[in-house]
Amino acid sequence: MKHLNFILKTSLSVILMAALLTGCKKDNKDIPKKDEEKPAFSKEILNIIPQKIIDSLRLQGMLINEGTTPPNIEGSYYTGSANCFYDSSNFPKIGLWRLDYTYTLYNQNNTDLTLSIDYFAHPKSADEATGKGSFVSGSGDKFSAFFLTEGVGNGIPYKMIYIISGRKTADGVVDWHDCLRMMEKGDDPNNRLIAVGGTRIFKEDDGIASNIDPSFGKKLAGFNTNLKGSVSAGR
């Protein structure tokens, strides 16, 4: 009899366990799947500037707007009072203004999240660079544009990330911020360019980069070239 009771108890335990397992499987099927989170930045942006660098730039005060539905920012803008408020380079420029610049943004593609840029220094800069990657992020009226540039400054080859951020309005770009970060450079025994990893962040003191006719900007600059000038990467 004891043996029979043991068999019955064991069988009952197995049946209950099977029922529980079956119930769990059914419950799992009923759990709705969570919506996939939308990416903050395109993979192309993260390929040229990792998320950890974006996070560090934000901590240093750089405005970076995320999202994959940026506004149309095509146009030409003039910055005449950009003040350096953060500088981790080997020769800090905090509190100093840099050269005036005219920026022209065009060929924006919100499917690929790409765009093109020309910018001109007033007066002509000593550097020449070519954009190797130009991408845009943002949503609503806020945006950030990321540019990977390779060029030669003071005879020294370099690779630099340049970022522009702000809020697009009818009058231009409000809350204009821009920054540069040196990614790579060639032999520089006299420290003519900022060190690798060096970062400078600028903000337009009057609060806006105003709309400007691109032909007028070219006359001010005295030349017309693509991505000419390192935007103050030198001493």
Protein backbone atom coordinates (compact mmCIF):
# COMPACT_ATOMS: atom_id res chain seq x y z
CA MET A 1 0.00 0.00 0.00
CA LYS A 2 2.80 2.38 0.87
CA HIS A 3 4.38 1.66 -2.47
CA LEU A 4 1.09 2.45 -4.24
CA ASN A 5 0.69 5.73 -2.35
CA PHE A 6 4.20 6.74 -3.34
CA ILE A 7 3.44 6.04 -7.00
CA LEU A 8 0.19 8.06 -6.84
CA LYS A 9 1.89 11.02 -5.14
CA THR A 10 4.71 10.96 -7.67
CA SER A 11 2.29 10.82 -10.61
CA LEU A 12 0.24 13.69 -9.17
CA SER A 13 3.39 15.81 -8.77
CA VAL A 14 4.38 15.18 -12.39
CA ILE A 15 0.89 16.15 -13.62
CA LEU A 16 0.90 19.38 -11.57
CA MET A 17 4.39 20.30 -12.81
CA ALA A 18 3.34 19.72 -16.43
CA ALA A 19 0.27 21.90 -15.91
CA LEU A 20 2.37 24.69 -14.45
CA LEU A 21 4.86 24.54 -17.31
CA THR A 22 2.06 24.56 -19.88
CA GLY A 23 0.49 27.54 -18.14
CA CYS A 24 3.80 29.44 -18.20
CA LYS A 25 4.21 28.87 -21.91
CA LYS A 26 0.69 30.14 -22.56
CA ASP A 27 1.27 33.24 -20.41
CA ASN A 28 4.49 34.06 -22.32
CA LYS A 29 2.57 34.03 -25.59
CA ASP A 30 0.09 36.54 -24.19
CA ILE A 31 2.77 39.06 -23.14
CA PRO A 32 2.81 41.88 -25.72
CA LYS A 33 6.16 42.74 -27.27
CA LYS A 34 7.64 46.08 -26.36
CA ASP A 35 8.06 48.62 -29.14
CA GLU A 36 11.65 48.88 -30.32
CA GLU A 37 13.35 52.05 -29.12
CA LYS A 38 14.12 54.55 -31.84
CA PRO A 39 17.86 55.20 -32.25
CA ALA A 40 19.17 58.51 -30.94
CA PHE A 41 21.70 58.80 -33.79
CA SER A 42 22.23 57.10 -37.13
CA LYS A 43 24.84 54.36 -37.29
CA GLU A 44 26.86 56.56 -39.67
CA ILE A 45 27.19 59.24 -36.99
CA LEU A 46 28.21 56.68 -34.36
CA ASN A 47 30.79 55.28 -36.79
CA ILE A 48 32.66 58.61 -36.85
CA ILE A 49 31.99 59.68 -33.27
CA PRO A 50 31.24 56.99 -30.64
CA GLN A 51 28.44 57.49 -28.11
CA LYS A 52 30.97 57.80 -25.25
CA ILE A 53 32.53 60.85 -26.95
CA ILE A 54 29.08 62.38 -27.53
CA ASP A 55 28.34 61.88 -23.83
CA SER A 56 31.64 63.48 -22.78
CA LEU A 57 31.05 66.49 -25.06
CA ARG A 58 27.62 67.00 -23.51
CA LEU A 59 29.18 66.97 -20.04
CA GLN A 60 31.62 69.63 -21.24
CA GLY A 61 28.73 71.88 -22.28
CA MET A 62 28.29 71.07 -25.97
CA LEU A 63 24.69 71.12 -27.16
CA ILE A 64 24.01 67.91 -29.14
CA ASN A 65 20.46 67.24 -30.36
CA GLU A 66 19.54 63.63 -31.02
CA GLY A 67 16.86 62.10 -33.22
CA THR A 68 16.34 60.92 -36.78
CA THR A 69 13.81 63.54 -37.96
CA PRO A 70 15.85 66.78 -38.18
CA PRO A 71 14.48 70.04 -39.60
CA ASN A 72 15.60 71.35 -42.99
CA ILE A 73 18.71 73.40 -42.19
CA GLU A 74 19.80 74.23 -45.73
CA GLY A 75 20.97 77.82 -46.02
CA SER A 76 23.89 80.14 -45.26
CA TYR A 77 24.64 81.44 -41.78
CA TYR A 78 27.08 84.00 -40.39
CA THR A 79 28.79 83.71 -37.00
CA GLY A 80 30.47 86.92 -35.93
CA SER A 81 30.86 86.59 -32.16
CA ALA A 82 31.65 82.95 -31.38
CA ASN A 83 33.20 82.72 -27.92
CA CYS A 84 35.28 79.74 -26.71
CA PHE A 85 33.82 78.61 -23.37
CA TYR A 86 35.50 75.19 -23.12
CA ASP A 87 39.02 74.21 -24.15
CA SER A 88 40.90 71.07 -23.14
CA SER A 89 43.76 71.67 -25.58
CA ASN A 90 47.43 72.22 -24.81
CA PHE A 91 47.03 76.00 -25.35
CA PRO A 92 43.63 77.07 -23.99
CA LYS A 93 41.62 79.83 -25.67
CA ILE A 94 38.81 80.10 -23.12
CA GLY A 95 37.11 83.48 -23.24
CA LEU A 96 38.56 84.37 -26.65
CA TRP A 97 36.65 84.97 -29.87
CA ARG A 98 37.70 83.24 -33.04
CA LEU A 99 37.57 84.34 -36.66
CA ASP A 100 34.17 85.08 -38.17
CA TYR A 101 32.74 82.34 -40.40
CA THR A 102 30.07 81.90 -43.06
CA TYR A 103 28.58 78.39 -43.25
CA THR A 104 26.54 77.08 -46.17
CA LEU A 105 24.61 73.84 -45.62
CA TYR A 106 23.03 72.14 -48.64
CA ASN A 107 22.12 68.80 -50.26
CA GLN A 108 20.29 67.69 -47.11
CA ASN A 109 18.81 64.20 -47.44
CA ASN A 110 16.52 63.23 -44.56
CA THR A 111 16.30 59.63 -45.76
CA ASP A 112 20.04 59.02 -45.49
CA LEU A 113 20.45 61.82 -42.88
CA THR A 114 23.30 63.37 -44.86
CA LEU A 115 24.17 66.89 -45.99
CA SER A 116 27.01 68.94 -47.46
CA ILE A 117 28.82 71.97 -46.07
CA ASP A 118 31.03 74.82 -47.24
CA TYR A 119 32.48 77.23 -44.71
CA PHE A 120 34.61 80.29 -45.09
CA ALA A 121 36.77 82.12 -42.59
CA HIS A 122 37.09 85.90 -42.46
CA PRO A 123 39.95 86.42 -43.29
CA LYS A 124 41.33 83.34 -45.07
CA SER A 125 42.55 80.55 -42.78
CA ALA A 126 45.89 78.76 -43.00
CA ASP A 127 44.27 75.33 -43.20
CA GLU A 128 42.70 73.31 -46.00
CA ALA A 129 40.38 70.39 -45.32
CA THR A 130 37.97 68.06 -47.10
CA GLY A 131 34.81 66.62 -45.58
CA LYS A 132 34.82 62.81 -45.46
CA GLY A 133 31.45 62.37 -43.74
CA SER A 134 28.61 64.82 -43.14
CA PHE A 135 25.53 63.67 -41.22
CA VAL A 136 22.61 65.28 -39.40
CA SER A 137 20.45 64.39 -36.39
CA GLY A 138 17.62 66.08 -34.53
CA SER A 139 13.86 66.45 -34.29
CA GLY A 140 11.33 69.26 -34.45
CA ASP A 141 13.29 72.48 -35.01
CA LYS A 142 16.44 71.26 -33.21
CA PHE A 143 19.41 69.72 -35.00
CA SER A 144 23.06 68.72 -34.84
CA ALA A 145 25.34 68.29 -37.86
CA PHE A 146 28.48 66.13 -37.70
CA PHE A 147 31.44 66.51 -40.04
CA LEU A 148 34.55 64.35 -40.28
CA THR A 149 37.31 66.42 -41.88
CA GLU A 150 40.76 65.44 -43.06
CA GLY A 151 43.22 68.14 -43.94
CA VAL A 152 46.55 69.85 -43.43
CA GLY A 153 47.08 72.66 -40.95
CA ASN A 154 50.41 74.45 -40.71
CA GLY A 155 51.88 71.61 -42.76
CA ILE A 156 50.54 68.93 -40.40
CA PRO A 157 47.97 66.35 -41.59
CA TYR A 158 45.04 65.85 -39.25
CA LYS A 159 41.61 64.24 -38.86
CA MET A 160 39.02 66.18 -36.89
CA ILE A 161 35.36 65.92 -35.87
CA TYR A 162 33.39 69.15 -36.15
CA ILE A 163 29.83 69.54 -34.81
CA ILE A 164 27.25 72.31 -35.26
CA SER A 165 24.07 72.44 -33.17
CA GLY A 166 21.14 74.78 -32.66
CA ARG A 167 17.50 75.49 -33.34
CA LYS A 168 16.37 76.46 -36.83
CA THR A 169 14.23 79.62 -37.07
CA ALA A 170 13.13 82.00 -39.81
CA ASP A 171 16.01 84.35 -38.89
CA GLY A 172 18.79 81.76 -38.77
CA VAL A 173 20.00 79.32 -36.11
CA VAL A 174 19.25 80.18 -32.48
CA ASP A 175 21.42 78.87 -29.63
CA TRP A 176 24.27 78.18 -32.07
CA HIS A 177 26.97 75.90 -30.64
CA ASP A 178 29.90 74.39 -32.48
CA CYS A 179 32.86 72.34 -31.40
CA LEU A 180 35.90 70.58 -32.74
CA ARG A 181 37.72 67.53 -31.46
CA MET A 182 41.08 66.40 -32.80
CA MET A 183 40.95 62.68 -33.64
CA GLU A 184 44.34 62.14 -35.30
CA LYS A 185 47.30 64.23 -36.47
CA GLY A 186 50.74 63.77 -37.97
CA ASP A 187 54.13 64.66 -36.52
CA ASP A 188 53.83 67.97 -34.65
CA PRO A 189 57.01 68.49 -32.56
CA ASN A 190 56.28 72.19 -32.02
CA ASN A 191 52.64 71.68 -31.03
CA ARG A 192 51.28 73.81 -33.87
CA LEU A 193 47.89 72.07 -33.62
CA ILE A 194 45.90 71.01 -30.59
CA ALA A 195 46.68 67.58 -29.15
CA VAL A 196 44.78 64.44 -30.14
CA GLY A 197 41.64 64.34 -28.02
CA GLY A 198 41.78 68.12 -27.58
CA THR A 199 38.36 69.77 -27.69
CA ARG A 200 37.19 73.35 -28.15
CA ILE A 201 33.56 74.39 -27.79
CA PHE A 202 32.16 77.71 -29.00
CA LYS A 203 28.85 79.51 -28.57
CA GLU A 204 27.53 82.49 -30.49
CA ASP A 205 27.49 85.29 -27.93
CA ASP A 206 24.58 87.19 -29.49
CA GLY A 207 22.51 84.00 -29.45
CA ILE A 208 22.01 83.55 -33.19
CA ALA A 209 23.87 82.67 -36.38
CA SER A 210 22.01 84.92 -38.80
CA ASN A 211 20.88 84.08 -42.31
CA ILE A 212 23.20 85.52 -44.94
CA ASP A 213 23.35 85.56 -48.72
CA PRO A 214 26.10 83.04 -49.64
CA SER A 215 27.52 85.32 -52.36
CA PHE A 216 28.02 88.07 -49.76
CA GLY A 217 29.77 85.60 -47.46
CA LYS A 218 32.18 84.64 -50.23
CA LYS A 219 33.03 88.28 -50.85
CA LEU A 220 33.80 88.71 -47.16
CA ALA A 221 35.97 85.62 -47.14
CA GLY A 222 37.85 86.52 -50.30
CA PHE A 223 37.87 82.94 -51.54
CA ASN A 224 35.56 80.00 -52.28
CA THR A 225 36.56 76.47 -51.30
CA ASN A 226 35.07 73.42 -49.61
CA LEU A 227 35.74 73.03 -45.90
CA LYS A 228 38.64 75.46 -45.84
CA GLY A 229 39.86 76.26 -42.36
CA SER A 230 40.08 74.09 -39.28
CA VAL A 231 37.79 76.39 -37.29
CA SER A 232 40.48 77.33 -34.81
CA ALA A 233 42.32 74.03 -34.35
CA GLY A 234 45.67 75.84 -34.25
CA ARG A 235 47.38 77.90 -31.61
